[in-house]
């Protein structure tokens, strides 16, 4: 039997296509990059999938473009876009996305307020 060092490419077929991958946390089962169709790994599809509850516990969203040779963590941009669409539609974003949007938008951070000290 012949051994091969060949592995299938994960590079999309388009010459200049930006691909978006979503990391999801499955609790005690660990976390993983979610499987997605190469042809629909665009930002709009990811946003729609997030808004329709396709992900259980979103960790981050990463974009990469192999033609331009760059990767980028776009989690903050995605969080802002989710909140913007919710505001435009005058509805809350799905409950499962609250932690993600709060984390990347900087909302509800714990703040320690200084307390006045009284010397007795």
PDB file of N, CA and C in Angstrom:
ATOM      1  N   UNK A   1       0.841  -1.172   0.000  1.00  0.00           N
ATOM      2  CA  UNK A   1       0.000   0.000   0.000  1.00  0.00           C
ATOM      3  C   UNK A   1       0.891   1.241   0.000  1.00  0.00           C
ATOM      4  N   UNK A   2       0.581   2.189  -0.831  1.00  0.00           N
ATOM      5  CA  UNK A   2       1.366   3.397  -0.987  1.00  0.00           C
ATOM      6  C   UNK A   2       0.963   4.454   0.037  1.00  0.00           C
ATOM      7  N   UNK A   3       1.947   5.036   0.715  1.00  0.00           N
ATOM      8  CA  UNK A   3       1.676   6.119   1.649  1.00  0.00           C
ATOM      9  C   UNK A   3       1.793   7.441   0.915  1.00  0.00           C
ATOM     10  N   UNK A   4       0.942   8.372   1.306  1.00  0.00           N
ATOM     11  CA  UNK A   4       0.962   9.678   0.669  1.00  0.00           C
ATOM     12  C   UNK A   4       1.059  10.757   1.735  1.00  0.00           C
ATOM     13  N   UNK A   5       1.835  11.776   1.463  1.00  0.00           N
ATOM     14  CA  UNK A   5       1.919  12.916   2.360  1.00  0.00           C
ATOM     15  C   UNK A   5       0.924  14.002   1.972  1.00  0.00           C
ATOM     16  N   UNK A   6       0.102  13.748   0.989  1.00  0.00           N
ATOM     17  CA  UNK A   6      -0.868  14.715   0.496  1.00  0.00           C
ATOM     18  C   UNK A   6      -2.003  14.872   1.498  1.00  0.00           C
ATOM     19  N   UNK A   7      -2.384  16.104   1.766  1.00  0.00           N
ATOM     20  CA  UNK A   7      -3.557  16.379   2.598  1.00  0.00           C
ATOM     21  C   UNK A   7      -4.457  17.317   1.821  1.00  0.00           C
ATOM     22  N   UNK A   8      -5.758  17.186   1.994  1.00  0.00           N
ATOM     23  CA  UNK A   8      -6.664  18.059   1.257  1.00  0.00           C
ATOM     24  C   UNK A   8      -6.503  19.503   1.708  1.00  0.00           C
ATOM     25  N   UNK A   9      -6.671  20.408   0.781  1.00  0.00           N
ATOM     26  CA  UNK A   9      -6.525  21.831   1.070  1.00  0.00           C
ATOM     27  C   UNK A   9      -7.793  22.388   1.697  1.00  0.00           C
ATOM     28  N   UNK A  10      -7.623  23.289   2.669  1.00  0.00           N
ATOM     29  CA  UNK A  10      -8.779  23.986   3.225  1.00  0.00           C
ATOM     30  C   UNK A  10      -8.904  25.379   2.613  1.00  0.00           C
ATOM     31  N   UNK A  11      -8.047  25.678   1.644  1.00  0.00           N
ATOM     32  CA  UNK A  11      -8.075  26.972   0.982  1.00  0.00           C
ATOM     33  C   UNK A  11      -9.275  27.017   0.048  1.00  0.00           C
ATOM     34  N   UNK A  12     -10.095  28.076   0.134  1.00  0.00           N
ATOM     35  CA  UNK A  12     -11.272  28.169  -0.728  1.00  0.00           C
ATOM     36  C   UNK A  12     -10.888  28.285  -2.195  1.00  0.00           C
ATOM     37  N   UNK A  13     -11.822  27.936  -3.068  1.00  0.00           N
ATOM     38  CA  UNK A  13     -11.568  27.939  -4.502  1.00  0.00           C
ATOM     39  C   UNK A  13     -11.449  29.337  -5.095  1.00  0.00           C
ATOM     40  N   UNK A  14     -12.129  30.313  -4.501  1.00  0.00           N
ATOM     41  CA  UNK A  14     -12.089  31.670  -5.035  1.00  0.00           C
ATOM     42  C   UNK A  14     -10.697  32.263  -4.927  1.00  0.00           C
ATOM     43  N   UNK A  15     -10.341  33.090  -5.879  1.00  0.00           N
ATOM     44  CA  UNK A  15      -9.007  33.683  -5.897  1.00  0.00           C
ATOM     45  C   UNK A  15      -8.798  34.656  -4.750  1.00  0.00           C
ATOM     46  N   UNK A  16      -9.809  35.420  -4.422  1.00  0.00           N
ATOM     47  CA  UNK A  16      -9.646  36.439  -3.387  1.00  0.00           C
ATOM     48  C   UNK A  16     -10.881  36.450  -2.500  1.00  0.00           C
ATOM     49  N   UNK A  17     -10.997  35.423  -1.694  1.00  0.00           N
ATOM     50  CA  UNK A  17     -12.175  35.257  -0.857  1.00  0.00           C
ATOM     51  C   UNK A  17     -11.772  35.304   0.608  1.00  0.00           C
ATOM     52  N   UNK A  18     -12.490  36.098   1.389  1.00  0.00           N
ATOM     53  CA  UNK A  18     -12.270  36.118   2.827  1.00  0.00           C
ATOM     54  C   UNK A  18     -13.197  35.090   3.459  1.00  0.00           C
ATOM     55  N   UNK A  19     -12.621  34.243   4.284  1.00  0.00           N
ATOM     56  CA  UNK A  19     -13.354  33.151   4.913  1.00  0.00           C
ATOM     57  C   UNK A  19     -13.457  33.440   6.403  1.00  0.00           C
ATOM     58  N   UNK A  20     -14.614  33.161   6.984  1.00  0.00           N
ATOM     59  CA  UNK A  20     -14.872  33.403   8.400  1.00  0.00           C
ATOM     60  C   UNK A  20     -15.133  32.074   9.090  1.00  0.00           C
ATOM     61  N   UNK A  21     -14.407  31.838  10.179  1.00  0.00           N
ATOM     62  CA  UNK A  21     -14.591  30.629  10.974  1.00  0.00           C
ATOM     63  C   UNK A  21     -15.015  31.015  12.381  1.00  0.00           C
ATOM     64  N   UNK A  22     -15.869  30.186  12.968  1.00  0.00           N
ATOM     65  CA  UNK A  22     -16.413  30.451  14.296  1.00  0.00           C
ATOM     66  C   UNK A  22     -15.933  29.386  15.271  1.00  0.00           C
ATOM     67  N   UNK A  23     -15.364  29.832  16.386  1.00  0.00           N
ATOM     68  CA  UNK A  23     -14.977  28.916  17.461  1.00  0.00           C
ATOM     69  C   UNK A  23     -16.137  28.848  18.451  1.00  0.00           C
ATOM     70  N   UNK A  24     -16.532  27.637  18.782  1.00  0.00           N
ATOM     71  CA  UNK A  24     -17.678  27.416  19.656  1.00  0.00           C
ATOM     72  C   UNK A  24     -17.243  26.550  20.833  1.00  0.00           C
ATOM     73  N   UNK A  25     -17.768  26.849  22.008  1.00  0.00           N
ATOM     74  CA  UNK A  25     -17.435  26.110  23.221  1.00  0.00           C
ATOM     75  C   UNK A  25     -18.554  25.115  23.516  1.00  0.00           C
ATOM     76  N   UNK A  26     -18.190  23.844  23.656  1.00  0.00           N
ATOM     77  CA  UNK A  26     -19.165  22.792  23.910  1.00  0.00           C
ATOM     78  C   UNK A  26     -19.090  22.286  25.345  1.00  0.00           C
ATOM     79  N   UNK A  27     -18.627  23.156  26.250  1.00  0.00           N
ATOM     80  CA  UNK A  27     -18.575  22.797  27.664  1.00  0.00           C
ATOM     81  C   UNK A  27     -17.566  21.711  27.937  1.00  0.00           C
ATOM     82  N   UNK A  28     -17.997  20.658  28.621  1.00  0.00           N
ATOM     83  CA  UNK A  28     -17.073  19.581  28.993  1.00  0.00           C
ATOM     84  C   UNK A  28     -16.548  18.818  27.781  1.00  0.00           C
ATOM     85  N   UNK A  29     -17.198  18.973  26.642  1.00  0.00           N
ATOM     86  CA  UNK A  29     -16.737  18.317  25.413  1.00  0.00           C
ATOM     87  C   UNK A  29     -15.649  19.110  24.707  1.00  0.00           C
ATOM     88  N   UNK A  30     -15.308  20.292  25.216  1.00  0.00           N
ATOM     89  CA  UNK A  30     -14.240  21.098  24.629  1.00  0.00           C
ATOM     90  C   UNK A  30     -14.769  22.129  23.644  1.00  0.00           C
ATOM     91  N   UNK A  31     -13.851  22.761  22.958  1.00  0.00           N
ATOM     92  CA  UNK A  31     -14.213  23.770  21.963  1.00  0.00           C
ATOM     93  C   UNK A  31     -13.674  23.347  20.603  1.00  0.00           C
ATOM     94  N   UNK A  32     -14.268  23.919  19.550  1.00  0.00           N
ATOM     95  CA  UNK A  32     -13.865  23.543  18.192  1.00  0.00           C
ATOM     96  C   UNK A  32     -14.238  24.648  17.217  1.00  0.00           C
ATOM     97  N   UNK A  33     -13.523  24.659  16.103  1.00  0.00           N
ATOM     98  CA  UNK A  33     -13.919  25.521  14.995  1.00  0.00           C
ATOM     99  C   UNK A  33     -15.070  24.816  14.306  1.00  0.00           C
ATOM    100  N   UNK A  34     -16.186  25.514  14.165  1.00  0.00           N
ATOM    101  CA  UNK A  34     -17.383  24.881  13.607  1.00  0.00           C
ATOM    102  C   UNK A  34     -17.233  24.594  12.120  1.00  0.00           C
ATOM    103  N   UNK A  35     -17.746  23.451  11.736  1.00  0.00           N
ATOM    104  CA  UNK A  35     -17.719  23.052  10.338  1.00  0.00           C
ATOM    105  C   UNK A  35     -18.634  23.969   9.530  1.00  0.00           C
ATOM    106  N   UNK A  36     -18.160  24.353   8.357  1.00  0.00           N
ATOM    107  CA  UNK A  36     -18.962  25.216   7.496  1.00  0.00           C
ATOM    108  C   UNK A  36     -18.645  24.928   6.039  1.00  0.00           C
ATOM    109  N   UNK A  37     -19.571  25.206   5.177  1.00  0.00           N
ATOM    110  CA  UNK A  37     -19.381  25.033   3.743  1.00  0.00           C
ATOM    111  C   UNK A  37     -18.470  26.131   3.223  1.00  0.00           C
ATOM    112  N   UNK A  38     -17.471  25.774   2.439  1.00  0.00           N
ATOM    113  CA  UNK A  38     -16.509  26.766   1.915  1.00  0.00           C
ATOM    114  C   UNK A  38     -17.195  27.878   1.141  1.00  0.00           C
ATOM    115  N   UNK A  39     -18.250  27.552   0.441  1.00  0.00           N
ATOM    116  CA  UNK A  39     -18.927  28.549  -0.390  1.00  0.00           C
ATOM    117  C   UNK A  39     -19.782  29.515   0.426  1.00  0.00           C
ATOM    118  N   UNK A  40     -20.092  29.162   1.665  1.00  0.00           N
ATOM    119  CA  UNK A  40     -20.934  30.043   2.477  1.00  0.00           C
ATOM    120  C   UNK A  40     -20.244  30.471   3.770  1.00  0.00           C
ATOM    121  N   UNK A  41     -18.928  30.552   3.738  1.00  0.00           N
ATOM    122  CA  UNK A  41     -18.172  30.959   4.922  1.00  0.00           C
ATOM    123  C   UNK A  41     -17.900  32.465   4.888  1.00  0.00           C
ATOM    124  N   UNK A  42     -18.865  33.214   4.381  1.00  0.00           N
ATOM    125  CA  UNK A  42     -18.725  34.668   4.293  1.00  0.00           C
ATOM    126  C   UNK A  42     -19.324  35.322   5.539  1.00  0.00           C
ATOM    127  N   UNK A  43     -19.054  36.597   5.705  1.00  0.00           N
ATOM    128  CA  UNK A  43     -19.493  37.310   6.909  1.00  0.00           C
ATOM    129  C   UNK A  43     -21.005  37.327   7.052  1.00  0.00           C
ATOM    130  N   UNK A  44     -21.716  37.582   5.979  1.00  0.00           N
ATOM    131  CA  UNK A  44     -23.176  37.668   6.060  1.00  0.00           C
ATOM    132  C   UNK A  44     -23.784  36.353   6.536  1.00  0.00           C
ATOM    133  N   UNK A  45     -23.295  35.235   6.025  1.00  0.00           N
ATOM    134  CA  UNK A  45     -23.806  33.929   6.442  1.00  0.00           C
ATOM    135  C   UNK A  45     -23.501  33.667   7.912  1.00  0.00           C
ATOM    136  N   UNK A  46     -22.302  34.025   8.348  1.00  0.00           N
ATOM    137  CA  UNK A  46     -21.937  33.837   9.754  1.00  0.00           C
ATOM    138  C   UNK A  46     -22.856  34.660  10.655  1.00  0.00           C
ATOM    139  N   UNK A  47     -23.100  35.916  10.288  1.00  0.00           N
ATOM    140  CA  UNK A  47     -23.989  36.776  11.086  1.00  0.00           C
ATOM    141  C   UNK A  47     -25.391  36.181  11.146  1.00  0.00           C
ATOM    142  N   UNK A  48     -25.910  35.750  10.006  1.00  0.00           N
ATOM    143  CA  UNK A  48     -27.253  35.151   9.975  1.00  0.00           C
ATOM    144  C   UNK A  48     -27.309  33.877  10.815  1.00  0.00           C
ATOM    145  N   UNK A  49     -26.276  33.043  10.708  1.00  0.00           N
ATOM    146  CA  UNK A  49     -26.238  31.814  11.512  1.00  0.00           C
ATOM    147  C   UNK A  49     -26.211  32.128  13.005  1.00  0.00           C
ATOM    148  N   UNK A  50     -25.475  33.158  13.378  1.00  0.00           N
ATOM    149  CA  UNK A  50     -25.423  33.569  14.787  1.00  0.00           C
ATOM    150  C   UNK A  50     -26.792  34.049  15.255  1.00  0.00           C
ATOM    151  N   UNK A  51     -27.439  34.866  14.454  1.00  0.00           N
ATOM    152  CA  UNK A  51     -28.741  35.418  14.838  1.00  0.00           C
ATOM    153  C   UNK A  51     -29.846  34.370  14.881  1.00  0.00           C
ATOM    154  N   UNK A  52     -29.669  33.277  14.163  1.00  0.00           N
ATOM    155  CA  UNK A  52     -30.688  32.221  14.176  1.00  0.00           C
ATOM    156  C   UNK A  52     -30.343  31.087  15.133  1.00  0.00           C
ATOM    157  N   UNK A  53     -29.314  31.292  15.974  1.00  0.00           N
ATOM    158  CA  UNK A  53     -29.018  30.327  17.019  1.00  0.00           C
ATOM    159  C   UNK A  53     -28.271  29.091  16.585  1.00  0.00           C
ATOM    160  N   UNK A  54     -27.466  29.167  15.536  1.00  0.00           N
ATOM    161  CA  UNK A  54     -26.730  28.007  15.049  1.00  0.00           C
ATOM    162  C   UNK A  54     -25.520  27.645  15.913  1.00  0.00           C
ATOM    163  N   UNK A  55     -25.137  28.538  16.819  1.00  0.00           N
ATOM    164  CA  UNK A  55     -23.966  28.303  17.662  1.00  0.00           C
ATOM    165  C   UNK A  55     -24.392  28.306  19.121  1.00  0.00           C
ATOM    166  N   UNK A  56     -23.762  27.429  19.918  1.00  0.00           N
ATOM    167  CA  UNK A  56     -24.207  27.266  21.300  1.00  0.00           C
ATOM    168  C   UNK A  56     -23.530  28.237  22.266  1.00  0.00           C
ATOM    169  N   UNK A  57     -22.217  28.392  22.181  1.00  0.00           N
ATOM    170  CA  UNK A  57     -21.496  29.256  23.113  1.00  0.00           C
ATOM    171  C   UNK A  57     -20.289  29.837  22.384  1.00  0.00           C
ATOM    172  N   UNK A  58     -20.531  30.878  21.656  1.00  0.00           N
ATOM    173  CA  UNK A  58     -19.543  31.490  20.772  1.00  0.00           C
ATOM    174  C   UNK A  58     -18.328  31.994  21.532  1.00  0.00           C
ATOM    175  N   UNK A  59     -17.140  31.633  21.051  1.00  0.00           N
ATOM    176  CA  UNK A  59     -15.892  32.090  21.655  1.00  0.00           C
ATOM    177  C   UNK A  59     -15.304  33.248  20.860  1.00  0.00           C
ATOM    178  N   UNK A  60     -15.130  33.032  19.558  1.00  0.00           N
ATOM    179  CA  UNK A  60     -14.555  34.075  18.706  1.00  0.00           C
ATOM    180  C   UNK A  60     -14.841  33.793  17.248  1.00  0.00           C
ATOM    181  N   UNK A  61     -14.637  34.825  16.419  1.00  0.00           N
ATOM    182  CA  UNK A  61     -14.778  34.709  14.972  1.00  0.00           C
ATOM    183  C   UNK A  61     -13.465  35.180  14.361  1.00  0.00           C
ATOM    184  N   UNK A  62     -12.915  34.354  13.476  1.00  0.00           N
ATOM    185  CA  UNK A  62     -11.648  34.675  12.829  1.00  0.00           C
ATOM    186  C   UNK A  62     -11.864  34.704  11.325  1.00  0.00           C
ATOM    187  N   UNK A  63     -11.287  35.721  10.680  1.00  0.00           N
ATOM    188  CA  UNK A  63     -11.346  35.833   9.226  1.00  0.00           C
ATOM    189  C   UNK A  63      -9.945  35.619   8.676  1.00  0.00           C
ATOM    190  N   UNK A  64      -9.876  35.027   7.491  1.00  0.00           N
ATOM    191  CA  UNK A  64      -8.584  34.942   6.827  1.00  0.00           C
ATOM    192  C   UNK A  64      -8.779  35.001   5.324  1.00  0.00           C
ATOM    193  N   UNK A  65      -7.751  35.496   4.659  1.00  0.00           N
ATOM    194  CA  UNK A  65      -7.762  35.605   3.211  1.00  0.00           C
ATOM    195  C   UNK A  65      -6.421  35.073   2.726  1.00  0.00           C
ATOM    196  N   UNK A  66      -6.456  33.932   2.042  1.00  0.00           N
ATOM    197  CA  UNK A  66      -5.210  33.295   1.626  1.00  0.00           C
ATOM    198  C   UNK A  66      -4.554  34.024   0.461  1.00  0.00           C
ATOM    199  N   UNK A  67      -5.329  34.679  -0.385  1.00  0.00           N
ATOM    200  CA  UNK A  67      -4.745  35.409  -1.514  1.00  0.00           C
ATOM    201  C   UNK A  67      -3.960  36.621  -1.017  1.00  0.00           C
ATOM    202  N   UNK A  68      -4.495  37.285  -0.009  1.00  0.00           N
ATOM    203  CA  UNK A  68      -3.828  38.470   0.531  1.00  0.00           C
ATOM    204  C   UNK A  68      -2.902  38.120   1.694  1.00  0.00           C
ATOM    205  N   UNK A  69      -2.940  36.872   2.134  1.00  0.00           N
ATOM    206  CA  UNK A  69      -2.074  36.341   3.194  1.00  0.00           C
ATOM    207  C   UNK A  69      -2.247  37.048   4.527  1.00  0.00           C
ATOM    208  N   UNK A  70      -3.495  37.120   4.984  1.00  0.00           N
ATOM    209  CA  UNK A  70      -3.722  37.711   6.308  1.00  0.00           C
ATOM    210  C   UNK A  70      -4.809  36.961   7.059  1.00  0.00           C
ATOM    211  N   UNK A  71      -4.641  36.840   8.361  1.00  0.00           N
ATOM    212  CA  UNK A  71      -5.703  36.389   9.264  1.00  0.00           C
ATOM    213  C   UNK A  71      -6.047  37.532  10.217  1.00  0.00           C
ATOM    214  N   UNK A  72      -7.248  37.520  10.771  1.00  0.00           N
ATOM    215  CA  UNK A  72      -7.619  38.558  11.732  1.00  0.00           C
ATOM    216  C   UNK A  72      -8.740  38.064  12.637  1.00  0.00           C
ATOM    217  N   UNK A  73      -8.632  38.380  13.915  1.00  0.00           N
ATOM    218  CA  UNK A  73      -9.706  38.107  14.855  1.00  0.00           C
ATOM    219  C   UNK A  73     -10.723  39.234  14.680  1.00  0.00           C
ATOM    220  N   UNK A  74     -11.903  38.904  14.174  1.00  0.00           N
ATOM    221  CA  UNK A  74     -12.929  39.909  13.889  1.00  0.00           C
ATOM    222  C   UNK A  74     -14.075  39.844  14.893  1.00  0.00           C
ATOM    223  N   UNK A  75     -13.824  39.258  16.050  1.00  0.00           N
ATOM    224  CA  UNK A  75     -14.864  39.074  17.059  1.00  0.00           C
ATOM    225  C   UNK A  75     -15.501  40.396  17.480  1.00  0.00           C
ATOM    226  N   UNK A  76     -14.701  41.414  17.687  1.00  0.00           N
ATOM    227  CA  UNK A  76     -15.236  42.711  18.111  1.00  0.00           C
ATOM    228  C   UNK A  76     -16.141  43.304  17.039  1.00  0.00           C
ATOM    229  N   UNK A  77     -15.724  43.224  15.775  1.00  0.00           N
ATOM    230  CA  UNK A  77     -16.546  43.734  14.672  1.00  0.00           C
ATOM    231  C   UNK A  77     -17.865  42.970  14.566  1.00  0.00           C
ATOM    232  N   UNK A  78     -17.796  41.659  14.730  1.00  0.00           N
ATOM    233  CA  UNK A  78     -19.007  40.829  14.662  1.00  0.00           C
ATOM    234  C   UNK A  78     -19.938  41.166  15.828  1.00  0.00           C
ATOM    235  N   UNK A  79     -19.396  41.354  17.016  1.00  0.00           N
ATOM    236  CA  UNK A  79     -20.217  41.716  18.177  1.00  0.00           C
ATOM    237  C   UNK A  79     -20.937  43.036  17.946  1.00  0.00           C
ATOM    238  N   UNK A  80     -20.229  44.033  17.396  1.00  0.00           N
ATOM    239  CA  UNK A  80     -20.855  45.322  17.096  1.00  0.00           C
ATOM    240  C   UNK A  80     -21.956  45.170  16.044  1.00  0.00           C
ATOM    241  N   UNK A  81     -21.703  44.344  15.047  1.00  0.00           N
ATOM    242  CA  UNK A  81     -22.697  44.152  13.988  1.00  0.00           C
ATOM    243  C   UNK A  81     -23.932  43.421  14.516  1.00  0.00           C
ATOM    244  N   UNK A  82     -23.736  42.450  15.383  1.00  0.00           N
ATOM    245  CA  UNK A  82     -24.882  41.759  15.982  1.00  0.00           C
ATOM    246  C   UNK A  82     -25.744  42.733  16.781  1.00  0.00           C
ATOM    247  N   UNK A  83     -25.101  43.569  17.582  1.00  0.00           N
ATOM    248  CA  UNK A  83     -25.827  44.552  18.393  1.00  0.00           C
ATOM    249  C   UNK A  83     -26.527  45.569  17.493  1.00  0.00           C
ATOM    250  N   UNK A  84     -25.842  46.009  16.431  1.00  0.00           N
ATOM    251  CA  UNK A  84     -26.423  46.993  15.507  1.00  0.00           C
ATOM    252  C   UNK A  84     -27.680  46.436  14.841  1.00  0.00           C
ATOM    253  N   UNK A  85     -27.612  45.206  14.388  1.00  0.00           N
ATOM    254  CA  UNK A  85     -28.785  44.600  13.734  1.00  0.00           C
ATOM    255  C   UNK A  85     -29.931  44.403  14.711  1.00  0.00           C
ATOM    256  N   UNK A  86     -29.602  44.030  15.930  1.00  0.00           N
ATOM    257  CA  UNK A  86     -30.646  43.905  16.946  1.00  0.00           C
ATOM    258  C   UNK A  86     -31.316  45.243  17.204  1.00  0.00           C
ATOM    259  N   UNK A  87     -30.511  46.304  17.287  1.00  0.00           N
ATOM    260  CA  UNK A  87     -31.061  47.644  17.513  1.00  0.00           C
ATOM    261  C   UNK A  87     -31.922  48.094  16.338  1.00  0.00           C
ATOM    262  N   UNK A  88     -31.463  47.847  15.107  1.00  0.00           N
ATOM    263  CA  UNK A  88     -32.236  48.240  13.924  1.00  0.00           C
ATOM    264  C   UNK A  88     -33.573  47.518  13.849  1.00  0.00           C
ATOM    265  N   UNK A  89     -33.578  46.257  14.250  1.00  0.00           N
ATOM    266  CA  UNK A  89     -34.801  45.450  14.197  1.00  0.00           C
ATOM    267  C   UNK A  89     -35.616  45.586  15.479  1.00  0.00           C
ATOM    268  N   UNK A  90     -35.102  46.396  16.417  1.00  0.00           N
ATOM    269  CA  UNK A  90     -35.774  46.637  17.697  1.00  0.00           C
ATOM    270  C   UNK A  90     -36.107  45.328  18.415  1.00  0.00           C
ATOM    271  N   UNK A  91     -35.090  44.468  18.476  1.00  0.00           N
ATOM    272  CA  UNK A  91     -35.242  43.206  19.197  1.00  0.00           C
ATOM    273  C   UNK A  91     -33.915  42.852  19.840  1.00  0.00           C
ATOM    274  N   UNK A  92     -33.979  42.016  20.864  1.00  0.00           N
ATOM    275  CA  UNK A  92     -32.771  41.564  21.544  1.00  0.00           C
ATOM    276  C   UNK A  92     -32.059  40.526  20.693  1.00  0.00           C
ATOM    277  N   UNK A  93     -30.759  40.485  20.838  1.00  0.00           N
ATOM    278  CA  UNK A  93     -30.015  39.416  20.188  1.00  0.00           C
ATOM    279  C   UNK A  93     -30.280  38.128  20.961  1.00  0.00           C
ATOM    280  N   UNK A  94     -30.091  36.965  20.342  1.00  0.00           N
ATOM    281  CA  UNK A  94     -30.338  35.705  21.041  1.00  0.00           C
ATOM    282  C   UNK A  94     -29.552  35.617  22.344  1.00  0.00           C
ATOM    283  N   UNK A  95     -30.172  35.030  23.346  1.00  0.00           N
ATOM    284  CA  UNK A  95     -29.592  34.937  24.680  1.00  0.00           C
ATOM    285  C   UNK A  95     -28.194  34.332  24.664  1.00  0.00           C
ATOM    286  N   UNK A  96     -27.970  33.330  23.833  1.00  0.00           N
ATOM    287  CA  UNK A  96     -26.679  32.660  23.764  1.00  0.00           C
ATOM    288  C   UNK A  96     -25.538  33.540  23.284  1.00  0.00           C
ATOM    289  N   UNK A  97     -25.855  34.705  22.721  1.00  0.00           N
ATOM    290  CA  UNK A  97     -24.823  35.616  22.213  1.00  0.00           C
ATOM    291  C   UNK A  97     -24.501  36.743  23.185  1.00  0.00           C
ATOM    292  N   UNK A  98     -25.249  36.840  24.285  1.00  0.00           N
ATOM    293  CA  UNK A  98     -25.039  37.949  25.218  1.00  0.00           C
ATOM    294  C   UNK A  98     -23.624  37.980  25.784  1.00  0.00           C
ATOM    295  N   UNK A  99     -23.109  36.842  26.232  1.00  0.00           N
ATOM    296  CA  UNK A  99     -21.755  36.812  26.790  1.00  0.00           C
ATOM    297  C   UNK A  99     -20.724  37.252  25.750  1.00  0.00           C
ATOM    298  N   UNK A 100     -20.895  36.762  24.533  1.00  0.00           N
ATOM    299  CA  UNK A 100     -19.965  37.108  23.451  1.00  0.00           C
ATOM    300  C   UNK A 100     -19.987  38.607  23.170  1.00  0.00           C
ATOM    301  N   UNK A 101     -21.170  39.175  22.974  1.00  0.00           N
ATOM    302  CA  UNK A 101     -21.241  40.602  22.649  1.00  0.00           C
ATOM    303  C   UNK A 101     -20.786  41.458  23.822  1.00  0.00           C
ATOM    304  N   UNK A 102     -21.137  41.079  25.034  1.00  0.00           N
ATOM    305  CA  UNK A 102     -20.687  41.839  26.201  1.00  0.00           C
ATOM    306  C   UNK A 102     -19.163  41.802  26.323  1.00  0.00           C
ATOM    307  N   UNK A 103     -18.580  40.629  26.088  1.00  0.00           N
ATOM    308  CA  UNK A 103     -17.123  40.480  26.199  1.00  0.00           C
ATOM    309  C   UNK A 103     -16.395  41.356  25.189  1.00  0.00           C
ATOM    310  N   UNK A 104     -16.855  41.379  23.944  1.00  0.00           N
ATOM    311  CA  UNK A 104     -16.137  42.105  22.903  1.00  0.00           C
ATOM    312  C   UNK A 104     -16.554  43.558  22.752  1.00  0.00           C
ATOM    313  N   UNK A 105     -17.667  43.928  23.322  1.00  0.00           N
ATOM    314  CA  UNK A 105     -18.069  45.337  23.292  1.00  0.00           C
ATOM    315  C   UNK A 105     -17.638  46.059  24.552  1.00  0.00           C
ATOM    316  N   UNK A 106     -17.178  45.323  25.534  1.00  0.00           N
ATOM    317  CA  UNK A 106     -16.716  45.943  26.769  1.00  0.00           C
ATOM    318  C   UNK A 106     -17.840  46.360  27.692  1.00  0.00           C
ATOM    319  N   UNK A 107     -19.024  45.841  27.490  1.00  0.00           N
ATOM    320  CA  UNK A 107     -20.148  46.170  28.365  1.00  0.00           C
ATOM    321  C   UNK A 107     -20.085  45.367  29.648  1.00  0.00           C
ATOM    322  N   UNK A 108     -20.654  45.923  30.671  1.00  0.00           N
ATOM    323  CA  UNK A 108     -20.846  45.239  31.948  1.00  0.00           C
ATOM    324  C   UNK A 108     -19.541  44.710  32.552  1.00  0.00           C
ATOM    325  N   UNK A 109     -18.480  45.463  32.403  1.00  0.00           N
ATOM    326  CA  UNK A 109     -17.233  45.059  33.047  1.00  0.00           C
ATOM    327  C   UNK A 109     -17.330  45.333  34.535  1.00  0.00           C
ATOM    328  N   UNK A 110     -16.774  44.449  35.303  1.00  0.00           N
ATOM    329  CA  UNK A 110     -16.736  44.662  36.746  1.00  0.00           C
ATOM    330  C   UNK A 110     -15.784  45.811  37.038  1.00  0.00           C
ATOM    331  N   UNK A 111     -16.243  46.731  37.827  1.00  0.00           N
ATOM    332  CA  UNK A 111     -15.434  47.880  38.178  1.00  0.00           C
ATOM    333  C   UNK A 111     -15.385  47.974  39.697  1.00  0.00           C
ATOM    334  N   UNK A 112     -14.212  48.104  40.220  1.00  0.00           N
ATOM    335  CA  UNK A 112     -14.060  48.281  41.656  1.00  0.00           C
ATOM    336  C   UNK A 112     -14.014  49.767  41.939  1.00  0.00           C
ATOM    337  N   UNK A 113     -14.995  50.265  42.635  1.00  0.00           N
ATOM    338  CA  UNK A 113     -15.030  51.671  42.992  1.00  0.00           C
ATOM    339  C   UNK A 113     -14.230  51.892  44.266  1.00  0.00           C
ATOM    340  N   UNK A 114     -13.495  52.974  44.303  1.00  0.00           N
ATOM    341  CA  UNK A 114     -12.741  53.239  45.536  1.00  0.00           C
ATOM    342  C   UNK A 114     -13.696  53.616  46.661  1.00  0.00           C
ATOM    343  N   UNK A 115     -13.497  53.042  47.815  1.00  0.00           N
ATOM    344  CA  UNK A 115     -14.321  53.339  48.964  1.00  0.00           C
ATOM    345  C   UNK A 115     -13.573  54.305  49.875  1.00  0.00           C
ATOM    346  N   UNK A 116     -14.278  55.275  50.425  1.00  0.00           N
ATOM    347  CA  UNK A 116     -13.581  56.201  51.328  1.00  0.00           C
ATOM    348  C   UNK A 116     -13.150  55.465  52.591  1.00  0.00           C
ATOM    349  N   UNK A 117     -11.987  55.749  53.045  1.00  0.00           N
ATOM    350  CA  UNK A 117     -11.473  55.108  54.255  1.00  0.00           C
ATOM    351  C   UNK A 117     -11.618  56.083  55.416  1.00  0.00           C
ATOM    352  N   UNK A 118     -12.139  55.586  56.488  1.00  0.00           N
ATOM    353  CA  UNK A 118     -12.294  56.418  57.700  1.00  0.00           C
ATOM    354  C   UNK A 118     -11.286  55.945  58.722  1.00  0.00           C
ATOM    355  N   UNK A 119     -10.509  56.854  59.169  1.00  0.00           N
ATOM    356  CA  UNK A 119      -9.557  56.511  60.210  1.00  0.00           C
ATOM    357  C   UNK A 119     -10.211  56.732  61.561  1.00  0.00           C
ATOM    358  N   UNK A 120     -10.154  55.742  62.399  1.00  0.00           N
ATOM    359  CA  UNK A 120     -10.818  55.832  63.708  1.00  0.00           C
ATOM    360  C   UNK A 120      -9.989  56.527  64.722  1.00  0.00           C
TER     361      UNK A 120
END
